[in-house]
Amino acid sequence: MEKLEKIEKLRERAQVSYDEAREAYEQADGDLLEALIYLERQGKVRPPQGGGYYRSEQVEEPVGGGYDEREDDGKQFSAFKETLDKVWKFFYGLFQKGNSIDFEILRDKEHVLSFPVTILVLLLIFAPWLTIAAVIAGLFFGFHYQFVTKHEVD
């Protein structure tokens, strides 16, 4: 493989300019691995991901202008925070709507009991068989059920 092909290969692998690839290649006396290590030390190439050692030397932190792993952590944290905000807003909206609608129990068209739909949902989640059995049994004893909006729901 001739010099130009090796520099081209290094440039593609390291995602650097031809000038940077040529400089690294010459500094490493034509050894592509050493040229990659040289570019890593300068902070122009990201070190491989993973927990293992990839060479015996310690990598020094790049000084200015190099790749900073903390930037990715900040972006990931920001995306995670945005996702949490969306999830929070969704469940908060459901909670608000559940509390603005009442589940009413009537017998002979007289009001017996009413409570927010949120409570009904919690009962269905934590005691589904008991809740369903009570509703069905209530039907046999002449109870009727209805949902009533307390105020305008968004």
N, C-alpha and C. Protein backbone atom coordinates (compact mmCIF):
# COMPACT_ATOMS: atom_id res chain seq x y z
N MET A 1 0.86 -1.18 0.00
CA MET A 1 0.00 0.00 0.00
C MET A 1 0.90 1.23 0.00
N GLU A 2 0.62 2.15 -0.84
CA GLU A 2 1.46 3.34 -0.94
C GLU A 2 1.04 4.39 0.10
N LYS A 3 1.86 5.40 0.25
CA LYS A 3 1.68 6.43 1.28
C LYS A 3 0.32 7.12 1.18
N LEU A 4 -0.11 7.50 0.00
CA LEU A 4 -1.39 8.19 -0.18
C LEU A 4 -2.56 7.32 0.27
N GLU A 5 -2.51 6.03 -0.05
CA GLU A 5 -3.59 5.11 0.35
C GLU A 5 -3.66 4.98 1.87
N LYS A 6 -2.48 4.92 2.51
CA LYS A 6 -2.46 4.81 3.97
C LYS A 6 -3.00 6.09 4.62
N ILE A 7 -2.61 7.23 4.07
CA ILE A 7 -3.11 8.50 4.62
C ILE A 7 -4.62 8.60 4.42
N GLU A 8 -5.10 8.16 3.26
CA GLU A 8 -6.54 8.16 2.98
C GLU A 8 -7.27 7.26 3.98
N LYS A 9 -6.72 6.09 4.22
CA LYS A 9 -7.33 5.15 5.16
C LYS A 9 -7.36 5.75 6.57
N LEU A 10 -6.26 6.38 6.99
CA LEU A 10 -6.18 7.02 8.30
C LEU A 10 -7.19 8.17 8.39
N ARG A 11 -7.30 8.96 7.33
CA ARG A 11 -8.23 10.08 7.32
C ARG A 11 -9.67 9.60 7.47
N GLU A 12 -10.03 8.54 6.76
CA GLU A 12 -11.39 8.00 6.84
C GLU A 12 -11.65 7.42 8.23
N ARG A 13 -10.71 6.70 8.75
CA ARG A 13 -10.87 6.03 10.05
C ARG A 13 -10.98 7.05 11.18
N ALA A 14 -10.15 8.10 11.13
CA ALA A 14 -10.09 9.07 12.21
C ALA A 14 -11.01 10.26 12.01
N GLN A 15 -11.60 10.38 10.81
CA GLN A 15 -12.47 11.52 10.50
C GLN A 15 -11.74 12.85 10.73
N VAL A 16 -10.53 12.96 10.15
CA VAL A 16 -9.75 14.18 10.24
C VAL A 16 -9.42 14.65 8.83
N SER A 17 -8.82 15.83 8.73
CA SER A 17 -8.46 16.37 7.41
C SER A 17 -7.23 15.63 6.86
N TYR A 18 -6.99 15.82 5.57
CA TYR A 18 -5.81 15.22 4.95
C TYR A 18 -4.53 15.73 5.63
N ASP A 19 -4.51 17.02 5.94
CA ASP A 19 -3.33 17.61 6.56
C ASP A 19 -3.05 16.97 7.92
N GLU A 20 -4.11 16.81 8.73
CA GLU A 20 -3.93 16.19 10.05
C GLU A 20 -3.52 14.73 9.91
N ALA A 21 -4.12 14.03 8.96
CA ALA A 21 -3.76 12.62 8.73
C ALA A 21 -2.32 12.49 8.28
N ARG A 22 -1.89 13.37 7.37
CA ARG A 22 -0.50 13.32 6.88
C ARG A 22 0.48 13.60 8.01
N GLU A 23 0.18 14.61 8.83
CA GLU A 23 1.06 14.95 9.95
C GLU A 23 1.18 13.78 10.93
N ALA A 24 0.04 13.17 11.27
CA ALA A 24 0.06 12.03 12.19
C ALA A 24 0.81 10.85 11.58
N TYR A 25 0.61 10.61 10.30
CA TYR A 25 1.28 9.51 9.60
C TYR A 25 2.80 9.72 9.62
N GLU A 26 3.24 10.95 9.37
CA GLU A 26 4.67 11.23 9.37
C GLU A 26 5.25 11.17 10.77
N GLN A 27 4.53 11.63 11.77
CA GLN A 27 4.99 11.57 13.15
C GLN A 27 5.15 10.12 13.61
N ALA A 28 4.31 9.22 13.07
CA ALA A 28 4.33 7.81 13.46
C ALA A 28 5.22 6.97 12.54
N ASP A 29 5.98 7.61 11.67
CA ASP A 29 6.87 6.91 10.74
C ASP A 29 6.14 5.85 9.91
N GLY A 30 4.94 6.18 9.46
CA GLY A 30 4.21 5.29 8.57
C GLY A 30 3.41 4.20 9.25
N ASP A 31 3.37 4.17 10.58
CA ASP A 31 2.59 3.16 11.32
C ASP A 31 1.19 3.73 11.58
N LEU A 32 0.17 3.09 10.99
CA LEU A 32 -1.20 3.61 11.10
C LEU A 32 -1.71 3.58 12.53
N LEU A 33 -1.40 2.53 13.28
CA LEU A 33 -1.85 2.44 14.67
C LEU A 33 -1.24 3.57 15.50
N GLU A 34 0.06 3.77 15.34
CA GLU A 34 0.72 4.85 16.07
C GLU A 34 0.17 6.21 15.65
N ALA A 35 -0.19 6.36 14.38
CA ALA A 35 -0.78 7.61 13.91
C ALA A 35 -2.13 7.85 14.58
N LEU A 36 -2.95 6.81 14.73
CA LEU A 36 -4.23 6.94 15.44
C LEU A 36 -4.01 7.33 16.90
N ILE A 37 -3.02 6.70 17.53
CA ILE A 37 -2.71 7.03 18.92
C ILE A 37 -2.26 8.49 19.03
N TYR A 38 -1.46 8.93 18.08
CA TYR A 38 -1.01 10.32 18.04
C TYR A 38 -2.21 11.27 17.96
N LEU A 39 -3.18 10.94 17.09
CA LEU A 39 -4.38 11.78 16.95
C LEU A 39 -5.23 11.76 18.22
N GLU A 40 -5.28 10.61 18.90
CA GLU A 40 -6.02 10.53 20.16
C GLU A 40 -5.40 11.44 21.20
N ARG A 41 -4.09 11.42 21.30
CA ARG A 41 -3.40 12.27 22.28
C ARG A 41 -3.67 13.74 22.03
N GLN A 42 -3.85 14.10 20.78
CA GLN A 42 -4.15 15.49 20.44
C GLN A 42 -5.63 15.82 20.64
N GLY A 43 -6.44 14.82 20.93
CA GLY A 43 -7.87 15.04 21.13
C GLY A 43 -8.65 15.17 19.84
N LYS A 44 -8.08 14.73 18.74
CA LYS A 44 -8.76 14.84 17.45
C LYS A 44 -9.56 13.58 17.11
N VAL A 45 -9.35 12.53 17.87
CA VAL A 45 -10.05 11.26 17.65
C VAL A 45 -10.59 10.80 19.00
N ARG A 46 -11.81 10.32 18.99
CA ARG A 46 -12.40 9.77 20.21
C ARG A 46 -11.75 8.44 20.52
N PRO A 47 -11.41 8.20 21.79
CA PRO A 47 -10.92 6.88 22.15
C PRO A 47 -12.04 5.86 22.03
N PRO A 48 -11.73 4.59 21.83
CA PRO A 48 -12.77 3.57 21.71
C PRO A 48 -13.62 3.50 22.97
N GLN A 49 -14.91 3.21 22.79
CA GLN A 49 -15.83 3.06 23.92
C GLN A 49 -15.64 1.68 24.52
N GLY A 50 -15.90 1.56 25.82
CA GLY A 50 -15.79 0.26 26.48
C GLY A 50 -14.89 0.37 27.68
N GLY A 51 -14.89 -0.69 28.46
CA GLY A 51 -14.15 -0.67 29.71
C GLY A 51 -12.76 -1.25 29.63
N GLY A 52 -12.36 -1.83 28.50
CA GLY A 52 -11.06 -2.49 28.43
C GLY A 52 -9.94 -1.55 28.06
N TYR A 53 -8.73 -2.04 28.24
CA TYR A 53 -7.56 -1.28 27.82
C TYR A 53 -7.35 -1.50 26.34
N TYR A 54 -6.96 -0.47 25.65
CA TYR A 54 -6.72 -0.61 24.24
C TYR A 54 -5.27 -0.32 23.89
N ARG A 55 -4.51 0.10 24.89
CA ARG A 55 -3.06 0.21 24.74
C ARG A 55 -2.47 0.40 26.13
N SER A 56 -1.18 0.27 26.24
CA SER A 56 -0.56 0.27 27.56
C SER A 56 -0.28 1.67 28.10
N GLU A 57 -0.31 2.70 27.26
CA GLU A 57 -0.01 4.05 27.71
C GLU A 57 -1.26 4.74 28.21
N GLN A 58 -1.08 5.69 29.11
CA GLN A 58 -2.19 6.51 29.60
C GLN A 58 -2.44 7.63 28.61
N VAL A 59 -3.69 7.96 28.40
CA VAL A 59 -4.06 9.06 27.52
C VAL A 59 -4.19 10.31 28.36
N GLU A 60 -3.50 11.35 27.96
CA GLU A 60 -3.61 12.62 28.67
C GLU A 60 -4.85 13.35 28.17
N GLU A 61 -5.46 14.12 29.07
CA GLU A 61 -6.62 14.92 28.69
C GLU A 61 -6.21 15.94 27.65
N PRO A 62 -6.96 16.12 26.58
CA PRO A 62 -6.62 17.13 25.59
C PRO A 62 -6.78 18.52 26.18
N VAL A 63 -5.90 19.39 25.79
CA VAL A 63 -5.96 20.76 26.27
C VAL A 63 -6.56 21.62 25.17
N GLY A 64 -7.78 22.08 25.39
CA GLY A 64 -8.44 22.99 24.45
C GLY A 64 -8.71 22.39 23.09
N GLY A 65 -9.89 22.61 22.58
CA GLY A 65 -10.23 22.24 21.21
C GLY A 65 -10.43 20.77 20.95
N GLY A 66 -10.12 19.89 21.90
CA GLY A 66 -10.26 18.46 21.68
C GLY A 66 -11.64 17.96 22.04
N TYR A 67 -11.80 16.67 21.91
CA TYR A 67 -13.07 16.05 22.23
C TYR A 67 -13.24 16.00 23.74
N ASP A 68 -14.38 16.40 24.23
CA ASP A 68 -14.66 16.37 25.65
C ASP A 68 -15.88 15.48 25.88
N GLU A 69 -15.67 14.36 26.56
CA GLU A 69 -16.75 13.38 26.78
C GLU A 69 -17.88 13.97 27.61
N ARG A 70 -17.58 14.97 28.43
CA ARG A 70 -18.62 15.58 29.27
C ARG A 70 -19.68 16.28 28.43
N GLU A 71 -19.33 16.70 27.22
CA GLU A 71 -20.33 17.33 26.35
C GLU A 71 -21.43 16.33 26.00
N ASP A 72 -21.05 15.08 25.69
CA ASP A 72 -22.05 14.05 25.40
C ASP A 72 -22.91 13.76 26.62
N ASP A 73 -22.29 13.72 27.81
CA ASP A 73 -23.04 13.46 29.03
C ASP A 73 -24.08 14.56 29.24
N GLY A 74 -23.71 15.80 28.95
CA GLY A 74 -24.65 16.91 29.10
C GLY A 74 -25.81 16.79 28.14
N LYS A 75 -25.54 16.38 26.90
CA LYS A 75 -26.59 16.22 25.90
C LYS A 75 -27.51 15.07 26.29
N GLN A 76 -26.93 13.97 26.77
CA GLN A 76 -27.74 12.83 27.18
C GLN A 76 -28.61 13.19 28.37
N PHE A 77 -28.03 13.92 29.34
CA PHE A 77 -28.80 14.33 30.51
C PHE A 77 -29.93 15.25 30.10
N SER A 78 -29.64 16.17 29.17
CA SER A 78 -30.66 17.10 28.70
C SER A 78 -31.81 16.35 28.02
N ALA A 79 -31.48 15.36 27.18
CA ALA A 79 -32.52 14.58 26.51
C ALA A 79 -33.32 13.78 27.53
N PHE A 80 -32.64 13.23 28.53
CA PHE A 80 -33.33 12.47 29.58
C PHE A 80 -34.26 13.38 30.37
N LYS A 81 -33.79 14.59 30.67
CA LYS A 81 -34.61 15.54 31.41
C LYS A 81 -35.84 15.94 30.61
N GLU A 82 -35.68 16.16 29.31
CA GLU A 82 -36.82 16.52 28.46
C GLU A 82 -37.84 15.39 28.43
N THR A 83 -37.36 14.16 28.36
CA THR A 83 -38.26 13.00 28.36
C THR A 83 -39.01 12.93 29.68
N LEU A 84 -38.31 13.12 30.79
CA LEU A 84 -38.97 13.11 32.10
C LEU A 84 -40.01 14.22 32.20
N ASP A 85 -39.69 15.40 31.67
CA ASP A 85 -40.66 16.49 31.69
C ASP A 85 -41.91 16.14 30.91
N LYS A 86 -41.74 15.52 29.74
CA LYS A 86 -42.90 15.13 28.93
C LYS A 86 -43.75 14.09 29.66
N VAL A 87 -43.09 13.10 30.27
CA VAL A 87 -43.81 12.06 31.01
C VAL A 87 -44.55 12.69 32.18
N TRP A 88 -43.88 13.60 32.91
CA TRP A 88 -44.51 14.27 34.05
C TRP A 88 -45.74 15.06 33.60
N LYS A 89 -45.62 15.83 32.52
CA LYS A 89 -46.75 16.62 32.03
C LYS A 89 -47.91 15.73 31.61
N PHE A 90 -47.60 14.59 30.98
CA PHE A 90 -48.65 13.66 30.56
C PHE A 90 -49.42 13.14 31.78
N PHE A 91 -48.69 12.62 32.78
CA PHE A 91 -49.36 12.06 33.95
C PHE A 91 -50.04 13.14 34.79
N TYR A 92 -49.46 14.32 34.85
CA TYR A 92 -50.09 15.42 35.57
C TYR A 92 -51.41 15.80 34.91
N GLY A 93 -51.42 15.83 33.57
CA GLY A 93 -52.66 16.12 32.84
C GLY A 93 -53.72 15.07 33.10
N LEU A 94 -53.31 13.79 33.09
CA LEU A 94 -54.26 12.72 33.40
C LEU A 94 -54.82 12.87 34.82
N PHE A 95 -53.95 13.19 35.76
CA PHE A 95 -54.37 13.37 37.15
C PHE A 95 -55.37 14.52 37.26
N GLN A 96 -55.08 15.63 36.58
CA GLN A 96 -55.99 16.78 36.60
C GLN A 96 -57.36 16.41 36.03
N LYS A 97 -57.36 15.71 34.89
CA LYS A 97 -58.63 15.32 34.28
C LYS A 97 -59.38 14.33 35.17
N GLY A 98 -58.64 13.39 35.77
CA GLY A 98 -59.27 12.41 36.66
C GLY A 98 -59.90 13.06 37.88
N ASN A 99 -59.30 14.14 38.36
CA ASN A 99 -59.85 14.82 39.52
C ASN A 99 -60.96 15.81 39.16
N SER A 100 -61.14 16.09 37.89
CA SER A 100 -62.21 17.01 37.50
C SER A 100 -63.48 16.26 37.09
N ILE A 101 -63.42 14.93 37.12
CA ILE A 101 -64.59 14.11 36.80
C ILE A 101 -64.88 13.21 38.00
N ASP A 102 -66.15 13.21 38.45
CA ASP A 102 -66.56 12.37 39.58
C ASP A 102 -67.26 11.11 39.11
N PHE A 103 -67.06 10.04 39.85
CA PHE A 103 -67.80 8.80 39.67
C PHE A 103 -68.87 8.80 40.75
N GLU A 104 -70.13 8.84 40.33
CA GLU A 104 -71.23 8.94 41.29
C GLU A 104 -71.98 7.62 41.38
N ILE A 105 -72.38 7.31 42.60
CA ILE A 105 -73.19 6.12 42.86
C ILE A 105 -74.58 6.61 43.29
N LEU A 106 -75.61 6.13 42.61
CA LEU A 106 -76.98 6.55 42.86
C LEU A 106 -77.83 5.32 43.19
N ARG A 107 -78.84 5.54 44.03
CA ARG A 107 -79.82 4.49 44.29
C ARG A 107 -81.20 5.14 44.27
N ASP A 108 -82.03 4.63 43.41
CA ASP A 108 -83.36 5.21 43.23
C ASP A 108 -83.27 6.71 42.93
N LYS A 109 -82.35 7.08 42.07
CA LYS A 109 -82.12 8.45 41.63
C LYS A 109 -81.70 9.39 42.75
N GLU A 110 -81.27 8.83 43.90
CA GLU A 110 -80.76 9.64 45.00
C GLU A 110 -79.25 9.44 45.09
N HIS A 111 -78.55 10.54 45.32
CA HIS A 111 -77.10 10.51 45.42
C HIS A 111 -76.68 9.76 46.68
N VAL A 112 -75.83 8.74 46.53
CA VAL A 112 -75.34 7.97 47.68
C VAL A 112 -73.88 8.34 47.97
N LEU A 113 -73.04 8.35 46.92
CA LEU A 113 -71.61 8.59 47.10
C LEU A 113 -71.02 9.09 45.79
N SER A 114 -70.02 9.93 45.90
CA SER A 114 -69.27 10.33 44.70
C SER A 114 -67.81 10.54 45.10
N PHE A 115 -66.93 10.23 44.16
CA PHE A 115 -65.50 10.43 44.38
C PHE A 115 -64.83 10.60 43.02
N PRO A 116 -63.62 11.21 43.00
CA PRO A 116 -62.94 11.46 41.73
C PRO A 116 -62.61 10.17 40.98
N VAL A 117 -62.58 10.24 39.68
CA VAL A 117 -62.25 9.09 38.85
C VAL A 117 -60.85 8.57 39.17
N THR A 118 -59.97 9.46 39.62
CA THR A 118 -58.61 9.04 40.00
C THR A 118 -58.67 7.95 41.07
N ILE A 119 -59.57 8.11 42.04
CA ILE A 119 -59.72 7.10 43.10
C ILE A 119 -60.23 5.79 42.50
N LEU A 120 -61.18 5.87 41.58
CA LEU A 120 -61.69 4.68 40.92
C LEU A 120 -60.58 3.94 40.18
N VAL A 121 -59.75 4.68 39.48
CA VAL A 121 -58.63 4.08 38.74
C VAL A 121 -57.67 3.41 39.70
N LEU A 122 -57.34 4.07 40.81
CA LEU A 122 -56.44 3.47 41.81
C LEU A 122 -57.03 2.19 42.39
N LEU A 123 -58.34 2.22 42.67
CA LEU A 123 -59.00 1.00 43.16
C LEU A 123 -58.93 -0.12 42.13
N LEU A 124 -59.14 0.22 40.86
CA LEU A 124 -59.07 -0.79 39.80
C LEU A 124 -57.65 -1.34 39.63
N ILE A 125 -56.65 -0.51 39.90
CA ILE A 125 -55.26 -0.97 39.77
C ILE A 125 -54.86 -1.85 40.94
N PHE A 126 -55.19 -1.42 42.18
CA PHE A 126 -54.70 -2.13 43.36
C PHE A 126 -55.66 -3.19 43.90
N ALA A 127 -56.93 -3.12 43.57
CA ALA A 127 -57.89 -4.13 44.03
C ALA A 127 -58.93 -4.36 42.93
N PRO A 128 -58.49 -4.84 41.76
CA PRO A 128 -59.41 -4.93 40.63
C PRO A 128 -60.58 -5.87 40.86
N TRP A 129 -60.34 -7.06 41.40
CA TRP A 129 -61.43 -8.03 41.56
C TRP A 129 -62.45 -7.56 42.59
N LEU A 130 -61.98 -6.97 43.65
CA LEU A 130 -62.88 -6.45 44.68
C LEU A 130 -63.72 -5.29 44.13
N THR A 131 -63.09 -4.39 43.40
CA THR A 131 -63.79 -3.22 42.85
C THR A 131 -64.84 -3.65 41.82
N ILE A 132 -64.45 -4.52 40.90
CA ILE A 132 -65.39 -4.99 39.87
C ILE A 132 -66.54 -5.76 40.51
N ALA A 133 -66.23 -6.60 41.50
CA ALA A 133 -67.29 -7.36 42.18
C ALA A 133 -68.26 -6.42 42.91
N ALA A 134 -67.74 -5.38 43.54
CA ALA A 134 -68.61 -4.43 44.26
C ALA A 134 -69.52 -3.67 43.28
N VAL A 135 -68.98 -3.28 42.12
CA VAL A 135 -69.80 -2.57 41.13
C VAL A 135 -70.90 -3.49 40.59
N ILE A 136 -70.54 -4.72 40.28
CA ILE A 136 -71.54 -5.67 39.75
C ILE A 136 -72.59 -5.99 40.82
N ALA A 137 -72.15 -6.22 42.06
CA ALA A 137 -73.10 -6.50 43.14
C ALA A 137 -74.04 -5.31 43.35
N GLY A 138 -73.49 -4.10 43.22
CA GLY A 138 -74.32 -2.90 43.37
C GLY A 138 -75.44 -2.85 42.35
N LEU A 139 -75.17 -3.33 41.15
CA LEU A 139 -76.20 -3.35 40.11
C LEU A 139 -77.37 -4.24 40.53
N PHE A 140 -77.08 -5.36 41.18
CA PHE A 140 -78.15 -6.27 41.62
C PHE A 140 -78.97 -5.67 42.75
N PHE A 141 -78.39 -4.73 43.51
CA PHE A 141 -79.11 -4.11 44.62
C PHE A 141 -79.71 -2.76 44.24
N GLY A 142 -79.79 -2.47 42.95
CA GLY A 142 -80.48 -1.27 42.49
C GLY A 142 -79.63 -0.01 42.42
N PHE A 143 -78.31 -0.14 42.51
CA PHE A 143 -77.44 1.04 42.38
C PHE A 143 -77.20 1.34 40.91
N HIS A 144 -77.02 2.61 40.61
CA HIS A 144 -76.69 3.08 39.26
C HIS A 144 -75.43 3.92 39.37
N TYR A 145 -74.71 3.98 38.29
CA TYR A 145 -73.42 4.70 38.28
C TYR A 145 -73.41 5.71 37.14
N GLN A 146 -72.73 6.82 37.38
CA GLN A 146 -72.58 7.81 36.33
C GLN A 146 -71.30 8.63 36.57
N PHE A 147 -70.82 9.18 35.48
CA PHE A 147 -69.66 10.07 35.55
C PHE A 147 -70.17 11.49 35.39
N VAL A 148 -69.71 12.38 36.26
CA VAL A 148 -70.16 13.77 36.24
C VAL A 148 -68.94 14.68 36.23
N THR A 149 -68.97 15.63 35.28
CA THR A 149 -67.87 16.59 35.20
C THR A 149 -68.10 17.70 36.21
N LYS A 150 -67.09 17.96 37.04
CA LYS A 150 -67.20 19.03 38.02
C LYS A 150 -67.15 20.39 37.35
N HIS A 151 -66.22 20.54 36.42
CA HIS A 151 -66.07 21.80 35.67
C HIS A 151 -65.46 21.45 34.32
N GLU A 152 -65.33 22.45 33.49
CA GLU A 152 -64.83 22.27 32.12
C GLU A 152 -63.48 21.58 32.13
N VAL A 153 -63.35 20.50 31.36
CA VAL A 153 -62.10 19.78 31.22
C VAL A 153 -61.41 20.29 29.98
N ASP A 154 -60.09 20.57 30.08
CA ASP A 154 -59.33 21.08 28.92
C ASP A 154 -59.25 20.05 27.83
